[in-house]
Amino acid sequence: MNTPQEIIRICNSHYNYWKKRALNSDDPVERVKAMEKAFFWLETQSSMLIVWAIENSNGNNEKMLRNIVKAKVNISKKLMDYAEQILREFE
């Protein structure tokens, strides 16, 4: 997983992009979609930072390592779902 600085940089840039789109949109439907995407990136950032912190503080515990892998898989699935949603919007 990336460093906390990389996680924050990546997620924050996406969050700010979608927040600006929401604030500048005149269409209420588009505004809601943009805010949902902005909140997605806030949630993703929080999840990734929590997993990073747990992994770097309890990395020797086998049960914890399994849970960390599960959490990373869950985050990856959410990112894939998000990517699929974005691609569908371009169709």
C-alpha atoms as a PDB file:
ATOM      1  CA  MET A   1       0.000   0.000   0.000  1.00  0.00           C
ATOM      2  CA  ASN A   2       1.105   3.551  -0.588  1.00  0.00           C
ATOM      3  CA  THR A   3       2.534   5.808   2.080  1.00  0.00           C
ATOM      4  CA  PRO A   4       0.117   8.039   4.007  1.00  0.00           C
ATOM      5  CA  GLN A   5       1.372  11.050   2.054  1.00  0.00           C
ATOM      6  CA  GLU A   6       0.628   9.338  -1.273  1.00  0.00           C
ATOM      7  CA  ILE A   7      -2.786   8.183  -0.079  1.00  0.00           C
ATOM      8  CA  ILE A   8      -3.694  11.697   1.028  1.00  0.00           C
ATOM      9  CA  ARG A   9      -2.334  13.295  -2.153  1.00  0.00           C
ATOM     10  CA  ILE A  10      -4.210  10.945  -4.491  1.00  0.00           C
ATOM     11  CA  CYS A  11      -7.517  10.873  -2.620  1.00  0.00           C
ATOM     12  CA  ASN A  12      -7.455  14.587  -1.841  1.00  0.00           C
ATOM     13  CA  SER A  13      -6.911  15.539  -5.484  1.00  0.00           C
ATOM     14  CA  HIS A  14      -9.924  13.421  -6.533  1.00  0.00           C
ATOM     15  CA  TYR A  15     -12.015  14.766  -3.653  1.00  0.00           C
ATOM     16  CA  ASN A  16     -11.221  18.377  -4.540  1.00  0.00           C
ATOM     17  CA  TYR A  17     -11.979  17.759  -8.225  1.00  0.00           C
ATOM     18  CA  TRP A  18     -15.435  16.358  -7.496  1.00  0.00           C
ATOM     19  CA  LYS A  19     -16.165  18.932  -4.797  1.00  0.00           C
ATOM     20  CA  LYS A  20     -15.438  21.756  -7.255  1.00  0.00           C
ATOM     21  CA  ARG A  21     -17.627  20.085  -9.883  1.00  0.00           C
ATOM     22  CA  ALA A  22     -20.459  19.828  -7.359  1.00  0.00           C
ATOM     23  CA  LEU A  23     -20.132  23.424  -6.224  1.00  0.00           C
ATOM     24  CA  ASN A  24     -19.975  24.747  -9.791  1.00  0.00           C
ATOM     25  CA  SER A  25     -22.814  22.664 -11.214  1.00  0.00           C
ATOM     26  CA  ASP A  26     -26.164  24.265 -11.922  1.00  0.00           C
ATOM     27  CA  ASP A  27     -27.839  20.884 -12.440  1.00  0.00           C
ATOM     28  CA  PRO A  28     -29.055  19.427  -9.118  1.00  0.00           C
ATOM     29  CA  VAL A  29     -28.716  15.837 -10.360  1.00  0.00           C
ATOM     30  CA  GLU A  30     -25.125  16.389 -11.473  1.00  0.00           C
ATOM     31  CA  ARG A  31     -24.378  18.187  -8.213  1.00  0.00           C
ATOM     32  CA  VAL A  32     -25.558  15.166  -6.202  1.00  0.00           C
ATOM     33  CA  LYS A  33     -23.528  12.759  -8.362  1.00  0.00           C
ATOM     34  CA  ALA A  34     -20.409  14.878  -7.948  1.00  0.00           C
ATOM     35  CA  MET A  35     -20.862  15.091  -4.166  1.00  0.00           C
ATOM     36  CA  GLU A  36     -21.302  11.315  -3.966  1.00  0.00           C
ATOM     37  CA  LYS A  37     -17.993  10.910  -5.784  1.00  0.00           C
ATOM     38  CA  ALA A  38     -16.318  13.457  -3.522  1.00  0.00           C
ATOM     39  CA  PHE A  39     -17.544  11.606  -0.433  1.00  0.00           C
ATOM     40  CA  PHE A  40     -16.389   8.312  -1.965  1.00  0.00           C
ATOM     41  CA  TRP A  41     -12.847   9.693  -2.063  1.00  0.00           C
ATOM     42  CA  LEU A  42     -13.036  10.883   1.551  1.00  0.00           C
ATOM     43  CA  GLU A  43     -14.198   7.435   2.620  1.00  0.00           C
ATOM     44  CA  THR A  44     -11.501   5.753   0.544  1.00  0.00           C
ATOM     45  CA  GLN A  45      -8.809   7.959   2.057  1.00  0.00           C
ATOM     46  CA  SER A  46      -9.960   7.186   5.594  1.00  0.00           C
ATOM     47  CA  SER A  47     -10.144   3.455   4.909  1.00  0.00           C
ATOM     48  CA  MET A  48      -6.714   3.323   3.319  1.00  0.00           C
ATOM     49  CA  LEU A  49      -5.091   5.336   6.109  1.00  0.00           C
ATOM     50  CA  ILE A  50      -6.653   3.125   8.784  1.00  0.00           C
ATOM     51  CA  VAL A  51      -5.468  -0.046   7.036  1.00  0.00           C
ATOM     52  CA  TRP A  52      -1.989   1.448   6.607  1.00  0.00           C
ATOM     53  CA  ALA A  53      -1.817   2.388  10.314  1.00  0.00           C
ATOM     54  CA  ILE A  54      -2.989  -1.043  11.485  1.00  0.00           C
ATOM     55  CA  GLU A  55      -0.634  -2.824   9.102  1.00  0.00           C
ATOM     56  CA  ASN A  56       2.345  -0.802  10.286  1.00  0.00           C
ATOM     57  CA  SER A  57       1.580  -1.205  13.977  1.00  0.00           C
ATOM     58  CA  ASN A  58       0.419  -4.856  14.148  1.00  0.00           C
ATOM     59  CA  GLY A  59       2.108  -6.495  11.209  1.00  0.00           C
ATOM     60  CA  ASN A  60       3.328  -9.590  13.069  1.00  0.00           C
ATOM     61  CA  ASN A  61      -0.058 -10.933  14.135  1.00  0.00           C
ATOM     62  CA  GLU A  62      -1.229 -13.638  11.683  1.00  0.00           C
ATOM     63  CA  LYS A  63      -4.930 -13.040  12.341  1.00  0.00           C
ATOM     64  CA  MET A  64      -4.435  -9.305  11.892  1.00  0.00           C
ATOM     65  CA  LEU A  65      -2.581  -9.897   8.621  1.00  0.00           C
ATOM     66  CA  ARG A  66      -5.555 -11.880   7.291  1.00  0.00           C
ATOM     67  CA  ASN A  67      -7.885  -9.048   8.265  1.00  0.00           C
ATOM     68  CA  ILE A  68      -5.591  -6.511   6.611  1.00  0.00           C
ATOM     69  CA  VAL A  69      -5.652  -8.514   3.386  1.00  0.00           C
ATOM     70  CA  LYS A  70      -9.456  -8.705   3.569  1.00  0.00           C
ATOM     71  CA  ALA A  71      -9.650  -4.955   4.096  1.00  0.00           C
ATOM     72  CA  LYS A  72      -7.343  -4.299   1.139  1.00  0.00           C
ATOM     73  CA  VAL A  73      -9.459  -6.587  -1.041  1.00  0.00           C
ATOM     74  CA  ASN A  74     -12.590  -4.741   0.060  1.00  0.00           C
ATOM     75  CA  ILE A  75     -11.021  -1.365  -0.781  1.00  0.00           C
ATOM     76  CA  SER A  76      -9.888  -2.719  -4.148  1.00  0.00           C
ATOM     77  CA  LYS A  77     -13.416  -3.945  -4.897  1.00  0.00           C
ATOM     78  CA  LYS A  78     -14.845  -0.531  -4.066  1.00  0.00           C
ATOM     79  CA  LEU A  79     -12.303   1.130  -6.347  1.00  0.00           C
ATOM     80  CA  MET A  80     -13.186  -1.295  -9.144  1.00  0.00           C
ATOM     81  CA  ASP A  81     -16.896  -0.603  -8.688  1.00  0.00           C
ATOM     82  CA  TYR A  82     -16.155   3.113  -8.793  1.00  0.00           C
ATOM     83  CA  ALA A  83     -14.119   2.712 -11.998  1.00  0.00           C
ATOM     84  CA  GLU A  84     -16.931   0.702 -13.601  1.00  0.00           C
ATOM     85  CA  GLN A  85     -19.422   3.402 -12.650  1.00  0.00           C
ATOM     86  CA  ILE A  86     -17.251   6.099 -14.213  1.00  0.00           C
ATOM     87  CA  LEU A  87     -16.862   4.049 -17.401  1.00  0.00           C
ATOM     88  CA  ARG A  88     -20.639   3.518 -17.634  1.00  0.00           C
ATOM     89  CA  GLU A  89     -21.138   7.272 -17.411  1.00  0.00           C
ATOM     90  CA  PHE A  90     -18.989   7.709 -20.534  1.00  0.00           C
ATOM     91  CA  GLU A  91     -21.131   5.314 -22.578  1.00  0.00           C
END
